[in-house]
């Protein structure tokens, strides 16, 4: 079998270069779009004492930082979120970050161990404003590349059409016949047995060691996600509280959180929150997430105590993280994110010497 040519082979780079230049142009337009709305670009440290505290996000740990005889383990961040929220606590009101983040164990057409994330925050504004921002950025990227429709793996969406807005409970009922919120109590506790019975009734498999979260994810992957973001983008909103670790509860229904995700062509593009600002509640949720991580993976990450302290003075805010490489991929008609990444990480641990 002939080994594929590396990205730095001149003939390969010549083929890739138009899409890479389009990526740069989209990034410039995104910066101009946000600057024109009084957002300040910030650069956050990539090394953090905690990489994040979501159960299923794996991080890269660095060697211990050594200074003055002390040793401190540091991690490459999985998101600039903690740092950005500290800046909100410091007094900034509209900020964004466009830069690299790292997630371990992730590599596919839509995943890369190092990728570019766009995050932006609005202090004193609701997360509905982020829905409008997201729709505008889809159109902006398509306008830059002249792409009238986004497509991926046989599915397409009009980037200029107003996204559909659908609650998670509505999606479960419509695509799986499941009353999801019947399995979530007002205090956020869940009825695993009830959801398991509903999932079985929908014709999906279950396992004895499935948690409520496992069952929720199975329905999302097998029934919900294949049916949204088709024809036009979908804003999937009001996730159950157990699926919104960093989001505040909805004032409309305590069983759901102010969280939405943006989908187009079956691709998850963005994840947004009405931000939780209660440090005690955040600590409780982070601890539960790390308990679940330890149960599943046998490890846990430290809490960022500095972040929890900052939450106590952080203003009400909304924030969103968008996978910039995925947006660029759709906007140029690529088949995988590495086609719009200038220098992809090598597939293997090393290259043979010549």
C-alpha atoms as a PDB file:
ATOM      1  CA  UNK A   1       0.000   0.000   0.000  1.00  0.00           C
ATOM      2  CA  UNK A   2       1.390   3.393  -0.977  1.00  0.00           C
ATOM      3  CA  UNK A   3       1.731   5.807   1.907  1.00  0.00           C
ATOM      4  CA  UNK A   4      -0.257   9.038   1.384  1.00  0.00           C
ATOM      5  CA  UNK A   5       1.793  12.144   0.692  1.00  0.00           C
ATOM      6  CA  UNK A   6       2.141  14.464   3.721  1.00  0.00           C
ATOM      7  CA  UNK A   7       0.326  17.796   3.845  1.00  0.00           C
ATOM      8  CA  UNK A   8       3.657  19.583   3.320  1.00  0.00           C
ATOM      9  CA  UNK A   9       4.326  17.912  -0.038  1.00  0.00           C
ATOM     10  CA  UNK A  10       4.197  20.830  -2.492  1.00  0.00           C
ATOM     11  CA  UNK A  11       1.587  19.233  -4.760  1.00  0.00           C
ATOM     12  CA  UNK A  12      -0.654  18.415  -1.780  1.00  0.00           C
ATOM     13  CA  UNK A  13      -0.303  21.897  -0.349  1.00  0.00           C
ATOM     14  CA  UNK A  14      -1.133  23.435  -3.728  1.00  0.00           C
ATOM     15  CA  UNK A  15      -4.426  21.515  -3.747  1.00  0.00           C
ATOM     16  CA  UNK A  16      -5.198  22.428  -0.112  1.00  0.00           C
ATOM     17  CA  UNK A  17      -4.199  26.087  -0.286  1.00  0.00           C
ATOM     18  CA  UNK A  18      -7.437  27.588  -1.722  1.00  0.00           C
ATOM     19  CA  UNK A  19      -9.457  26.157   1.162  1.00  0.00           C
ATOM     20  CA  UNK A  20      -6.900  27.299   3.696  1.00  0.00           C
ATOM     21  CA  UNK A  21      -7.010  30.830   2.302  1.00  0.00           C
ATOM     22  CA  UNK A  22     -10.812  30.709   2.499  1.00  0.00           C
ATOM     23  CA  UNK A  23     -10.488  29.694   6.149  1.00  0.00           C
ATOM     24  CA  UNK A  24      -8.337  32.754   6.791  1.00  0.00           C
ATOM     25  CA  UNK A  25     -10.860  34.991   5.056  1.00  0.00           C
ATOM     26  CA  UNK A  26     -13.711  33.596   7.168  1.00  0.00           C
ATOM     27  CA  UNK A  27     -11.667  34.177  10.333  1.00  0.00           C
ATOM     28  CA  UNK A  28     -11.059  37.797   9.302  1.00  0.00           C
ATOM     29  CA  UNK A  29     -14.774  38.281   8.641  1.00  0.00           C
ATOM     30  CA  UNK A  30     -15.684  36.749  12.009  1.00  0.00           C
ATOM     31  CA  UNK A  31     -13.311  39.109  13.793  1.00  0.00           C
ATOM     32  CA  UNK A  32     -14.737  42.085  11.899  1.00  0.00           C
ATOM     33  CA  UNK A  33     -18.307  40.961  12.624  1.00  0.00           C
ATOM     34  CA  UNK A  34     -17.675  40.748  16.365  1.00  0.00           C
ATOM     35  CA  UNK A  35     -15.552  43.902  16.547  1.00  0.00           C
ATOM     36  CA  UNK A  36     -18.354  45.748  14.785  1.00  0.00           C
ATOM     37  CA  UNK A  37     -20.643  44.759  17.651  1.00  0.00           C
ATOM     38  CA  UNK A  38     -18.258  46.031  20.320  1.00  0.00           C
ATOM     39  CA  UNK A  39     -16.696  42.700  21.217  1.00  0.00           C
ATOM     40  CA  UNK A  40     -13.105  42.777  22.431  1.00  0.00           C
ATOM     41  CA  UNK A  41     -10.803  39.973  21.311  1.00  0.00           C
ATOM     42  CA  UNK A  42      -8.915  38.394  24.202  1.00  0.00           C
ATOM     43  CA  UNK A  43      -6.050  35.921  24.266  1.00  0.00           C
ATOM     44  CA  UNK A  44      -6.270  33.458  27.147  1.00  0.00           C
ATOM     45  CA  UNK A  45      -3.571  31.206  28.565  1.00  0.00           C
ATOM     46  CA  UNK A  46      -3.656  27.693  27.124  1.00  0.00           C
ATOM     47  CA  UNK A  47      -2.103  26.170  30.244  1.00  0.00           C
ATOM     48  CA  UNK A  48      -4.626  25.878  33.074  1.00  0.00           C
ATOM     49  CA  UNK A  49      -4.787  24.205  36.475  1.00  0.00           C
ATOM     50  CA  UNK A  50      -7.968  22.457  35.293  1.00  0.00           C
ATOM     51  CA  UNK A  51      -8.743  21.513  31.691  1.00  0.00           C
ATOM     52  CA  UNK A  52     -12.487  21.629  32.379  1.00  0.00           C
ATOM     53  CA  UNK A  53     -14.801  19.434  34.402  1.00  0.00           C
ATOM     54  CA  UNK A  54     -17.136  17.709  31.995  1.00  0.00           C
ATOM     55  CA  UNK A  55     -17.225  13.952  32.467  1.00  0.00           C
ATOM     56  CA  UNK A  56     -16.534  12.901  28.888  1.00  0.00           C
ATOM     57  CA  UNK A  57     -13.980  15.504  27.792  1.00  0.00           C
ATOM     58  CA  UNK A  58     -10.421  14.133  27.908  1.00  0.00           C
ATOM     59  CA  UNK A  59      -7.488  16.491  28.271  1.00  0.00           C
ATOM     60  CA  UNK A  60      -3.773  16.571  27.567  1.00  0.00           C
ATOM     61  CA  UNK A  61      -1.723  16.814  30.765  1.00  0.00           C
ATOM     62  CA  UNK A  62       1.619  18.585  30.584  1.00  0.00           C
ATOM     63  CA  UNK A  63       4.744  17.864  32.547  1.00  0.00           C
ATOM     64  CA  UNK A  64       4.632  19.456  35.968  1.00  0.00           C
ATOM     65  CA  UNK A  65       5.384  23.165  36.009  1.00  0.00           C
ATOM     66  CA  UNK A  66       8.339  23.659  38.313  1.00  0.00           C
ATOM     67  CA  UNK A  67       9.262  26.902  40.025  1.00  0.00           C
ATOM     68  CA  UNK A  68      10.778  27.810  43.388  1.00  0.00           C
ATOM     69  CA  UNK A  69      10.922  24.173  44.377  1.00  0.00           C
ATOM     70  CA  UNK A  70       7.187  23.613  43.858  1.00  0.00           C
ATOM     71  CA  UNK A  71       5.495  21.424  41.295  1.00  0.00           C
ATOM     72  CA  UNK A  72       2.136  22.158  39.729  1.00  0.00           C
ATOM     73  CA  UNK A  73       0.476  19.894  37.148  1.00  0.00           C
ATOM     74  CA  UNK A  74      -0.982  21.911  34.284  1.00  0.00           C
ATOM     75  CA  UNK A  75      -3.289  20.967  31.413  1.00  0.00           C
ATOM     76  CA  UNK A  76      -3.845  22.234  27.902  1.00  0.00           C
ATOM     77  CA  UNK A  77      -7.308  23.715  28.058  1.00  0.00           C
ATOM     78  CA  UNK A  78     -10.268  22.068  26.332  1.00  0.00           C
ATOM     79  CA  UNK A  79     -11.908  25.501  26.105  1.00  0.00           C
ATOM     80  CA  UNK A  80     -11.011  29.096  27.068  1.00  0.00           C
ATOM     81  CA  UNK A  81     -14.264  29.232  29.054  1.00  0.00           C
ATOM     82  CA  UNK A  82     -12.882  29.444  32.586  1.00  0.00           C
ATOM     83  CA  UNK A  83     -10.439  32.196  31.622  1.00  0.00           C
ATOM     84  CA  UNK A  84     -13.075  34.162  29.711  1.00  0.00           C
ATOM     85  CA  UNK A  85     -15.468  34.051  32.645  1.00  0.00           C
ATOM     86  CA  UNK A  86     -12.738  35.370  34.926  1.00  0.00           C
ATOM     87  CA  UNK A  87     -12.461  38.332  32.554  1.00  0.00           C
ATOM     88  CA  UNK A  88     -16.213  38.864  32.820  1.00  0.00           C
ATOM     89  CA  UNK A  89     -15.798  38.898  36.589  1.00  0.00           C
ATOM     90  CA  UNK A  90     -12.999  41.441  36.117  1.00  0.00           C
ATOM     91  CA  UNK A  91     -15.394  43.798  34.361  1.00  0.00           C
ATOM     92  CA  UNK A  92     -15.286  43.010  30.644  1.00  0.00           C
ATOM     93  CA  UNK A  93     -18.737  42.869  29.065  1.00  0.00           C
ATOM     94  CA  UNK A  94     -18.402  41.630  25.467  1.00  0.00           C
ATOM     95  CA  UNK A  95     -15.412  39.447  24.673  1.00  0.00           C
ATOM     96  CA  UNK A  96     -14.397  36.757  22.220  1.00  0.00           C
ATOM     97  CA  UNK A  97     -11.537  34.333  21.765  1.00  0.00           C
ATOM     98  CA  UNK A  98     -10.510  32.646  18.516  1.00  0.00           C
ATOM     99  CA  UNK A  99      -7.716  30.195  19.166  1.00  0.00           C
ATOM    100  CA  UNK A 100      -6.498  26.640  19.692  1.00  0.00           C
ATOM    101  CA  UNK A 101      -7.903  24.137  22.180  1.00  0.00           C
ATOM    102  CA  UNK A 102      -7.007  20.497  22.798  1.00  0.00           C
ATOM    103  CA  UNK A 103      -9.069  17.374  23.419  1.00  0.00           C
ATOM    104  CA  UNK A 104      -7.511  13.957  23.821  1.00  0.00           C
ATOM    105  CA  UNK A 105      -8.766  10.799  22.150  1.00  0.00           C
ATOM    106  CA  UNK A 106     -10.721  12.675  19.482  1.00  0.00           C
ATOM    107  CA  UNK A 107      -9.952  12.077  15.814  1.00  0.00           C
ATOM    108  CA  UNK A 108     -12.464  11.678  12.995  1.00  0.00           C
ATOM    109  CA  UNK A 109     -13.806  13.600  10.042  1.00  0.00           C
ATOM    110  CA  UNK A 110     -15.234  16.084  12.561  1.00  0.00           C
ATOM    111  CA  UNK A 111     -12.653  15.803  15.339  1.00  0.00           C
ATOM    112  CA  UNK A 112      -8.988  16.695  15.670  1.00  0.00           C
ATOM    113  CA  UNK A 113      -6.852  16.617  18.842  1.00  0.00           C
ATOM    114  CA  UNK A 114      -5.962  20.294  18.369  1.00  0.00           C
ATOM    115  CA  UNK A 115      -8.578  22.533  16.823  1.00  0.00           C
ATOM    116  CA  UNK A 116      -9.743  26.141  16.724  1.00  0.00           C
ATOM    117  CA  UNK A 117     -12.610  27.313  18.883  1.00  0.00           C
ATOM    118  CA  UNK A 118     -14.497  30.575  18.662  1.00  0.00           C
ATOM    119  CA  UNK A 119     -16.025  31.602  21.984  1.00  0.00           C
ATOM    120  CA  UNK A 120     -17.880  34.800  22.715  1.00  0.00           C
ATOM    121  CA  UNK A 121     -19.694  36.164  25.750  1.00  0.00           C
ATOM    122  CA  UNK A 122     -22.377  38.775  26.359  1.00  0.00           C
ATOM    123  CA  UNK A 123     -22.606  40.088  29.923  1.00  0.00           C
ATOM    124  CA  UNK A 124     -26.086  41.153  30.943  1.00  0.00           C
ATOM    125  CA  UNK A 125     -27.703  39.557  27.881  1.00  0.00           C
ATOM    126  CA  UNK A 126     -29.765  36.413  27.437  1.00  0.00           C
ATOM    127  CA  UNK A 127     -28.734  33.396  25.430  1.00  0.00           C
ATOM    128  CA  UNK A 128     -31.375  34.167  22.818  1.00  0.00           C
ATOM    129  CA  UNK A 129     -28.988  36.872  21.560  1.00  0.00           C
ATOM    130  CA  UNK A 130     -26.458  34.110  20.853  1.00  0.00           C
ATOM    131  CA  UNK A 131     -29.009  32.348  18.670  1.00  0.00           C
ATOM    132  CA  UNK A 132     -29.143  35.422  16.457  1.00  0.00           C
ATOM    133  CA  UNK A 133     -25.330  35.655  16.444  1.00  0.00           C
ATOM    134  CA  UNK A 134     -25.047  32.010  15.375  1.00  0.00           C
ATOM    135  CA  UNK A 135     -27.430  32.419  12.452  1.00  0.00           C
ATOM    136  CA  UNK A 136     -25.547  35.523  11.315  1.00  0.00           C
ATOM    137  CA  UNK A 137     -22.193  33.714  11.386  1.00  0.00           C
ATOM    138  CA  UNK A 138     -23.507  30.845   9.256  1.00  0.00           C
ATOM    139  CA  UNK A 139     -24.572  33.343   6.610  1.00  0.00           C
ATOM    140  CA  UNK A 140     -21.329  35.299   6.934  1.00  0.00           C
ATOM    141  CA  UNK A 141     -19.172  32.216   6.265  1.00  0.00           C
ATOM    142  CA  UNK A 142     -21.296  31.159   3.311  1.00  0.00           C
ATOM    143  CA  UNK A 143     -21.257  34.675   1.865  1.00  0.00           C
ATOM    144  CA  UNK A 144     -17.452  34.768   2.034  1.00  0.00           C
ATOM    145  CA  UNK A 145     -17.020  31.528   0.076  1.00  0.00           C
ATOM    146  CA  UNK A 146     -20.024  31.895  -2.238  1.00  0.00           C
ATOM    147  CA  UNK A 147     -21.514  28.656  -0.918  1.00  0.00           C
ATOM    148  CA  UNK A 148     -25.279  28.796  -1.374  1.00  0.00           C
ATOM    149  CA  UNK A 149     -25.909  25.546   0.508  1.00  0.00           C
ATOM    150  CA  UNK A 150     -23.861  23.651   3.049  1.00  0.00           C
ATOM    151  CA  UNK A 151     -23.603  19.883   2.568  1.00  0.00           C
ATOM    152  CA  UNK A 152     -22.006  17.002   4.441  1.00  0.00           C
ATOM    153  CA  UNK A 153     -22.380  13.274   3.858  1.00  0.00           C
ATOM    154  CA  UNK A 154     -25.474  13.572   1.741  1.00  0.00           C
ATOM    155  CA  UNK A 155     -27.254  16.133   3.915  1.00  0.00           C
ATOM    156  CA  UNK A 156     -27.613  19.805   3.153  1.00  0.00           C
ATOM    157  CA  UNK A 157     -28.799  23.043   4.726  1.00  0.00           C
ATOM    158  CA  UNK A 158     -29.414  26.596   3.606  1.00  0.00           C
ATOM    159  CA  UNK A 159     -27.008  28.783   5.621  1.00  0.00           C
ATOM    160  CA  UNK A 160     -29.080  31.895   4.879  1.00  0.00           C
ATOM    161  CA  UNK A 161     -32.369  30.509   6.213  1.00  0.00           C
ATOM    162  CA  UNK A 162     -33.473  31.278   9.763  1.00  0.00           C
ATOM    163  CA  UNK A 163     -32.634  28.202  11.882  1.00  0.00           C
ATOM    164  CA  UNK A 164     -35.441  26.068  13.270  1.00  0.00           C
ATOM    165  CA  UNK A 165     -35.799  26.298  17.054  1.00  0.00           C
ATOM    166  CA  UNK A 166     -36.675  23.039  18.767  1.00  0.00           C
ATOM    167  CA  UNK A 167     -36.560  22.037  22.433  1.00  0.00           C
ATOM    168  CA  UNK A 168     -34.895  18.777  23.389  1.00  0.00           C
ATOM    169  CA  UNK A 169     -38.176  17.552  24.890  1.00  0.00           C
ATOM    170  CA  UNK A 170     -39.965  18.295  21.605  1.00  0.00           C
ATOM    171  CA  UNK A 171     -37.248  16.460  19.665  1.00  0.00           C
ATOM    172  CA  UNK A 172     -37.497  13.357  21.892  1.00  0.00           C
ATOM    173  CA  UNK A 173     -41.265  13.303  21.490  1.00  0.00           C
ATOM    174  CA  UNK A 174     -41.188  13.908  17.741  1.00  0.00           C
ATOM    175  CA  UNK A 175     -38.392  11.548  16.731  1.00  0.00           C
ATOM    176  CA  UNK A 176     -38.509   8.844  19.418  1.00  0.00           C
ATOM    177  CA  UNK A 177     -41.960   9.078  21.004  1.00  0.00           C
ATOM    178  CA  UNK A 178     -40.380   9.633  24.428  1.00  0.00           C
ATOM    179  CA  UNK A 179     -41.630  11.975  27.160  1.00  0.00           C
ATOM    180  CA  UNK A 180     -38.146  12.972  28.318  1.00  0.00           C
ATOM    181  CA  UNK A 181     -39.106  15.437  31.030  1.00  0.00           C
ATOM    182  CA  UNK A 182     -41.243  12.802  32.738  1.00  0.00           C
ATOM    183  CA  UNK A 183     -37.888  11.310  33.792  1.00  0.00           C
ATOM    184  CA  UNK A 184     -36.457  14.570  35.221  1.00  0.00           C
ATOM    185  CA  UNK A 185     -37.567  15.985  38.587  1.00  0.00           C
ATOM    186  CA  UNK A 186     -37.695  19.675  39.469  1.00  0.00           C
ATOM    187  CA  UNK A 187     -34.563  19.283  41.612  1.00  0.00           C
ATOM    188  CA  UNK A 188     -32.648  17.785  38.672  1.00  0.00           C
ATOM    189  CA  UNK A 189     -32.673  14.159  39.806  1.00  0.00           C
ATOM    190  CA  UNK A 190     -33.437  11.622  37.096  1.00  0.00           C
ATOM    191  CA  UNK A 191     -35.502   8.461  36.736  1.00  0.00           C
ATOM    192  CA  UNK A 192     -33.164   6.012  35.030  1.00  0.00           C
ATOM    193  CA  UNK A 193     -35.643   3.131  35.039  1.00  0.00           C
ATOM    194  CA  UNK A 194     -38.332   5.290  33.502  1.00  0.00           C
ATOM    195  CA  UNK A 195     -36.074   6.452  30.694  1.00  0.00           C
ATOM    196  CA  UNK A 196     -34.796   2.925  30.096  1.00  0.00           C
ATOM    197  CA  UNK A 197     -38.369   1.670  29.643  1.00  0.00           C
ATOM    198  CA  UNK A 198     -39.117   4.532  27.239  1.00  0.00           C
ATOM    199  CA  UNK A 199     -35.947   3.881  25.239  1.00  0.00           C
ATOM    200  CA  UNK A 200     -36.809   0.210  24.928  1.00  0.00           C
ATOM    201  CA  UNK A 201     -40.308   1.169  23.875  1.00  0.00           C
ATOM    202  CA  UNK A 202     -38.788   3.268  21.116  1.00  0.00           C
ATOM    203  CA  UNK A 203     -36.991   0.172  19.796  1.00  0.00           C
ATOM    204  CA  UNK A 204     -33.506   1.156  20.932  1.00  0.00           C
ATOM    205  CA  UNK A 205     -31.083  -1.096  22.761  1.00  0.00           C
ATOM    206  CA  UNK A 206     -30.212  -0.645  26.424  1.00  0.00           C
ATOM    207  CA  UNK A 207     -27.628  -2.186  28.730  1.00  0.00           C
ATOM    208  CA  UNK A 208     -27.816  -2.966  32.418  1.00  0.00           C
ATOM    209  CA  UNK A 209     -24.977  -0.556  33.220  1.00  0.00           C
ATOM    210  CA  UNK A 210     -26.428   2.342  31.221  1.00  0.00           C
ATOM    211  CA  UNK A 211     -26.812   5.512  33.246  1.00  0.00           C
ATOM    212  CA  UNK A 212     -29.589   8.016  32.572  1.00  0.00           C
ATOM    213  CA  UNK A 213     -26.992  10.070  30.703  1.00  0.00           C
ATOM    214  CA  UNK A 214     -26.012   7.056  28.558  1.00  0.00           C
ATOM    215  CA  UNK A 215     -29.635   6.493  27.592  1.00  0.00           C
ATOM    216  CA  UNK A 216     -30.133  10.179  26.825  1.00  0.00           C
ATOM    217  CA  UNK A 217     -27.059  10.177  24.567  1.00  0.00           C
ATOM    218  CA  UNK A 218     -28.215   7.064  22.710  1.00  0.00           C
ATOM    219  CA  UNK A 219     -31.524   8.655  21.788  1.00  0.00           C
ATOM    220  CA  UNK A 220     -29.742  11.854  20.777  1.00  0.00           C
ATOM    221  CA  UNK A 221     -27.286  10.045  18.511  1.00  0.00           C
ATOM    222  CA  UNK A 222     -29.669   7.500  16.984  1.00  0.00           C
ATOM    223  CA  UNK A 223     -32.957   9.384  16.727  1.00  0.00           C
ATOM    224  CA  UNK A 224     -32.558  13.121  17.238  1.00  0.00           C
ATOM    225  CA  UNK A 225     -29.323  14.232  15.548  1.00  0.00           C
ATOM    226  CA  UNK A 226     -30.026  12.415  12.240  1.00  0.00           C
ATOM    227  CA  UNK A 227     -33.292  14.343  11.957  1.00  0.00           C
ATOM    228  CA  UNK A 228     -32.179  17.909  12.662  1.00  0.00           C
ATOM    229  CA  UNK A 229     -30.165  20.471  10.725  1.00  0.00           C
ATOM    230  CA  UNK A 230     -31.625  19.248   7.423  1.00  0.00           C
ATOM    231  CA  UNK A 231     -32.743  21.833   4.888  1.00  0.00           C
ATOM    232  CA  UNK A 232     -31.849  24.566   7.343  1.00  0.00           C
ATOM    233  CA  UNK A 233     -29.880  24.769  10.577  1.00  0.00           C
ATOM    234  CA  UNK A 234     -31.505  23.725  13.858  1.00  0.00           C
ATOM    235  CA  UNK A 235     -31.120  25.333  17.267  1.00  0.00           C
ATOM    236  CA  UNK A 236     -31.754  22.514  19.746  1.00  0.00           C
ATOM    237  CA  UNK A 237     -32.484  24.164  23.083  1.00  0.00           C
ATOM    238  CA  UNK A 238     -33.583  23.658  26.687  1.00  0.00           C
ATOM    239  CA  UNK A 239     -31.462  20.640  27.541  1.00  0.00           C
ATOM    240  CA  UNK A 240     -32.372  18.772  30.739  1.00  0.00           C
ATOM    241  CA  UNK A 241     -30.478  20.158  33.736  1.00  0.00           C
ATOM    242  CA  UNK A 242     -28.233  17.052  34.038  1.00  0.00           C
ATOM    243  CA  UNK A 243     -26.978  17.834  30.497  1.00  0.00           C
ATOM    244  CA  UNK A 244     -26.172  21.474  31.234  1.00  0.00           C
ATOM    245  CA  UNK A 245     -23.314  21.413  33.749  1.00  0.00           C
ATOM    246  CA  UNK A 246     -22.368  25.062  33.165  1.00  0.00           C
ATOM    247  CA  UNK A 247     -25.820  26.468  32.390  1.00  0.00           C
ATOM    248  CA  UNK A 248     -28.364  28.075  34.685  1.00  0.00           C
ATOM    249  CA  UNK A 249     -31.837  26.621  35.120  1.00  0.00           C
ATOM    250  CA  UNK A 250     -34.584  27.992  32.948  1.00  0.00           C
ATOM    251  CA  UNK A 251     -36.986  30.298  34.822  1.00  0.00           C
ATOM    252  CA  UNK A 252     -39.750  28.722  32.732  1.00  0.00           C
ATOM    253  CA  UNK A 253     -39.118  25.124  33.860  1.00  0.00           C
ATOM    254  CA  UNK A 254     -36.572  24.080  36.545  1.00  0.00           C
ATOM    255  CA  UNK A 255     -36.114  20.708  34.856  1.00  0.00           C
ATOM    256  CA  UNK A 256     -34.311  22.282  31.898  1.00  0.00           C
ATOM    257  CA  UNK A 257     -31.247  24.476  31.508  1.00  0.00           C
ATOM    258  CA  UNK A 258     -30.570  27.478  29.321  1.00  0.00           C
ATOM    259  CA  UNK A 259     -28.442  25.540  26.884  1.00  0.00           C
ATOM    260  CA  UNK A 260     -28.672  25.199  23.122  1.00  0.00           C
ATOM    261  CA  UNK A 261     -26.639  23.545  20.391  1.00  0.00           C
ATOM    262  CA  UNK A 262     -26.500  24.569  16.736  1.00  0.00           C
ATOM    263  CA  UNK A 263     -26.655  21.838  14.079  1.00  0.00           C
ATOM    264  CA  UNK A 264     -26.332  22.010  10.289  1.00  0.00           C
ATOM    265  CA  UNK A 265     -26.171  19.002   7.949  1.00  0.00           C
ATOM    266  CA  UNK A 266     -26.024  16.731  10.994  1.00  0.00           C
ATOM    267  CA  UNK A 267     -22.899  18.534  12.227  1.00  0.00           C
ATOM    268  CA  UNK A 268     -22.869  20.012  15.724  1.00  0.00           C
ATOM    269  CA  UNK A 269     -21.375  23.476  15.291  1.00  0.00           C
ATOM    270  CA  UNK A 270     -21.893  25.307  18.579  1.00  0.00           C
ATOM    271  CA  UNK A 271     -22.826  24.883  22.226  1.00  0.00           C
ATOM    272  CA  UNK A 272     -24.259  27.816  24.204  1.00  0.00           C
ATOM    273  CA  UNK A 273     -25.335  28.591  27.753  1.00  0.00           C
ATOM    274  CA  UNK A 274     -27.145  31.107  29.849  1.00  0.00           C
ATOM    275  CA  UNK A 275     -24.253  30.993  32.273  1.00  0.00           C
ATOM    276  CA  UNK A 276     -24.526  29.566  35.765  1.00  0.00           C
ATOM    277  CA  UNK A 277     -23.088  32.076  38.281  1.00  0.00           C
ATOM    278  CA  UNK A 278     -23.794  30.294  41.584  1.00  0.00           C
ATOM    279  CA  UNK A 279     -20.391  28.979  42.784  1.00  0.00           C
ATOM    280  CA  UNK A 280     -21.883  26.503  45.257  1.00  0.00           C
ATOM    281  CA  UNK A 281     -24.161  24.984  42.621  1.00  0.00           C
ATOM    282  CA  UNK A 282     -21.302  24.957  40.108  1.00  0.00           C
ATOM    283  CA  UNK A 283     -19.062  23.130  42.563  1.00  0.00           C
ATOM    284  CA  UNK A 284     -21.784  20.549  43.156  1.00  0.00           C
ATOM    285  CA  UNK A 285     -22.229  19.975  39.419  1.00  0.00           C
ATOM    286  CA  UNK A 286     -18.482  19.781  38.748  1.00  0.00           C
ATOM    287  CA  UNK A 287     -18.066  17.263  41.557  1.00  0.00           C
ATOM    288  CA  UNK A 288     -20.870  15.129  40.106  1.00  0.00           C
ATOM    289  CA  UNK A 289     -19.254  15.324  36.659  1.00  0.00           C
ATOM    290  CA  UNK A 290     -15.884  14.236  38.059  1.00  0.00           C
ATOM    291  CA  UNK A 291     -17.525  11.422  40.033  1.00  0.00           C
ATOM    292  CA  UNK A 292     -18.975  10.194  36.727  1.00  0.00           C
ATOM    293  CA  UNK A 293     -15.594  10.568  35.000  1.00  0.00           C
ATOM    294  CA  UNK A 294     -13.942   8.529  37.736  1.00  0.00           C
ATOM    295  CA  UNK A 295     -16.660   5.865  37.426  1.00  0.00           C
ATOM    296  CA  UNK A 296     -16.240   5.553  33.661  1.00  0.00           C
ATOM    297  CA  UNK A 297     -12.560   6.357  33.061  1.00  0.00           C
ATOM    298  CA  UNK A 298     -10.907   5.900  36.441  1.00  0.00           C
ATOM    299  CA  UNK A 299      -9.606   9.468  36.700  1.00  0.00           C
ATOM    300  CA  UNK A 300     -10.742  12.957  37.640  1.00  0.00           C
ATOM    301  CA  UNK A 301      -9.480  16.479  37.003  1.00  0.00           C
ATOM    302  CA  UNK A 302      -8.929  19.118  39.684  1.00  0.00           C
ATOM    303  CA  UNK A 303     -11.378  21.954  40.167  1.00  0.00           C
ATOM    304  CA  UNK A 304     -10.254  25.466  39.324  1.00  0.00           C
ATOM    305  CA  UNK A 305     -10.803  27.130  42.682  1.00  0.00           C
ATOM    306  CA  UNK A 306      -9.872  30.506  41.200  1.00  0.00           C
ATOM    307  CA  UNK A 307     -12.695  30.101  38.685  1.00  0.00           C
ATOM    308  CA  UNK A 308     -15.214  29.212  41.390  1.00  0.00           C
ATOM    309  CA  UNK A 309     -14.148  32.286  43.363  1.00  0.00           C
ATOM    310  CA  UNK A 310     -14.594  34.462  40.261  1.00  0.00           C
ATOM    311  CA  UNK A 311     -18.123  33.131  39.714  1.00  0.00           C
ATOM    312  CA  UNK A 312     -19.190  34.801  42.944  1.00  0.00           C
ATOM    313  CA  UNK A 313     -18.754  38.241  41.331  1.00  0.00           C
ATOM    314  CA  UNK A 314     -19.354  37.347  37.686  1.00  0.00           C
ATOM    315  CA  UNK A 315     -22.356  39.183  36.219  1.00  0.00           C
ATOM    316  CA  UNK A 316     -25.267  37.420  34.552  1.00  0.00           C
ATOM    317  CA  UNK A 317     -24.078  36.489  31.073  1.00  0.00           C
ATOM    318  CA  UNK A 318     -24.502  34.221  28.102  1.00  0.00           C
ATOM    319  CA  UNK A 319     -21.684  32.440  26.283  1.00  0.00           C
ATOM    320  CA  UNK A 320     -21.129  30.174  23.313  1.00  0.00           C
ATOM    321  CA  UNK A 321     -18.396  27.962  21.845  1.00  0.00           C
ATOM    322  CA  UNK A 322     -18.332  27.327  18.094  1.00  0.00           C
ATOM    323  CA  UNK A 323     -16.086  24.824  16.328  1.00  0.00           C
ATOM    324  CA  UNK A 324     -14.441  27.127  13.812  1.00  0.00           C
ATOM    325  CA  UNK A 325     -12.867  24.335  11.747  1.00  0.00           C
ATOM    326  CA  UNK A 326     -16.283  22.703  11.296  1.00  0.00           C
ATOM    327  CA  UNK A 327     -17.816  25.977  10.144  1.00  0.00           C
ATOM    328  CA  UNK A 328     -14.977  26.497   7.669  1.00  0.00           C
ATOM    329  CA  UNK A 329     -15.307  22.888   6.493  1.00  0.00           C
ATOM    330  CA  UNK A 330     -18.972  23.381   5.618  1.00  0.00           C
ATOM    331  CA  UNK A 331     -18.355  26.784   4.062  1.00  0.00           C
ATOM    332  CA  UNK A 332     -15.745  25.448   1.624  1.00  0.00           C
ATOM    333  CA  UNK A 333     -17.448  22.104   0.922  1.00  0.00           C
ATOM    334  CA  UNK A 334     -14.737  19.961   2.517  1.00  0.00           C
ATOM    335  CA  UNK A 335     -15.257  16.367   3.680  1.00  0.00           C
ATOM    336  CA  UNK A 336     -13.285  16.601   6.933  1.00  0.00           C
ATOM    337  CA  UNK A 337     -11.875  19.249   9.227  1.00  0.00           C
ATOM    338  CA  UNK A 338      -8.244  18.460   8.418  1.00  0.00           C
ATOM    339  CA  UNK A 339      -8.853  19.880   4.930  1.00  0.00           C
ATOM    340  CA  UNK A 340      -9.150  23.338   6.501  1.00  0.00           C
ATOM    341  CA  UNK A 341      -6.409  22.975   9.141  1.00  0.00           C
ATOM    342  CA  UNK A 342      -3.081  24.402   7.993  1.00  0.00           C
ATOM    343  CA  UNK A 343      -0.870  21.819   9.712  1.00  0.00           C
ATOM    344  CA  UNK A 344      -2.792  18.714  10.846  1.00  0.00           C
ATOM    345  CA  UNK A 345      -1.338  16.604  13.641  1.00  0.00           C
ATOM    346  CA  UNK A 346       0.365  13.499  12.254  1.00  0.00           C
ATOM    347  CA  UNK A 347      -1.814  10.388  12.205  1.00  0.00           C
ATOM    348  CA  UNK A 348       0.958   8.217  13.685  1.00  0.00           C
ATOM    349  CA  UNK A 349       3.243   8.778  16.640  1.00  0.00           C
ATOM    350  CA  UNK A 350       6.173   9.411  14.347  1.00  0.00           C
ATOM    351  CA  UNK A 351       7.443   9.280  10.812  1.00  0.00           C
ATOM    352  CA  UNK A 352      10.152   6.848   9.670  1.00  0.00           C
ATOM    353  CA  UNK A 353      13.576   8.380   9.219  1.00  0.00           C
ATOM    354  CA  UNK A 354      14.892   8.707   5.682  1.00  0.00           C
END
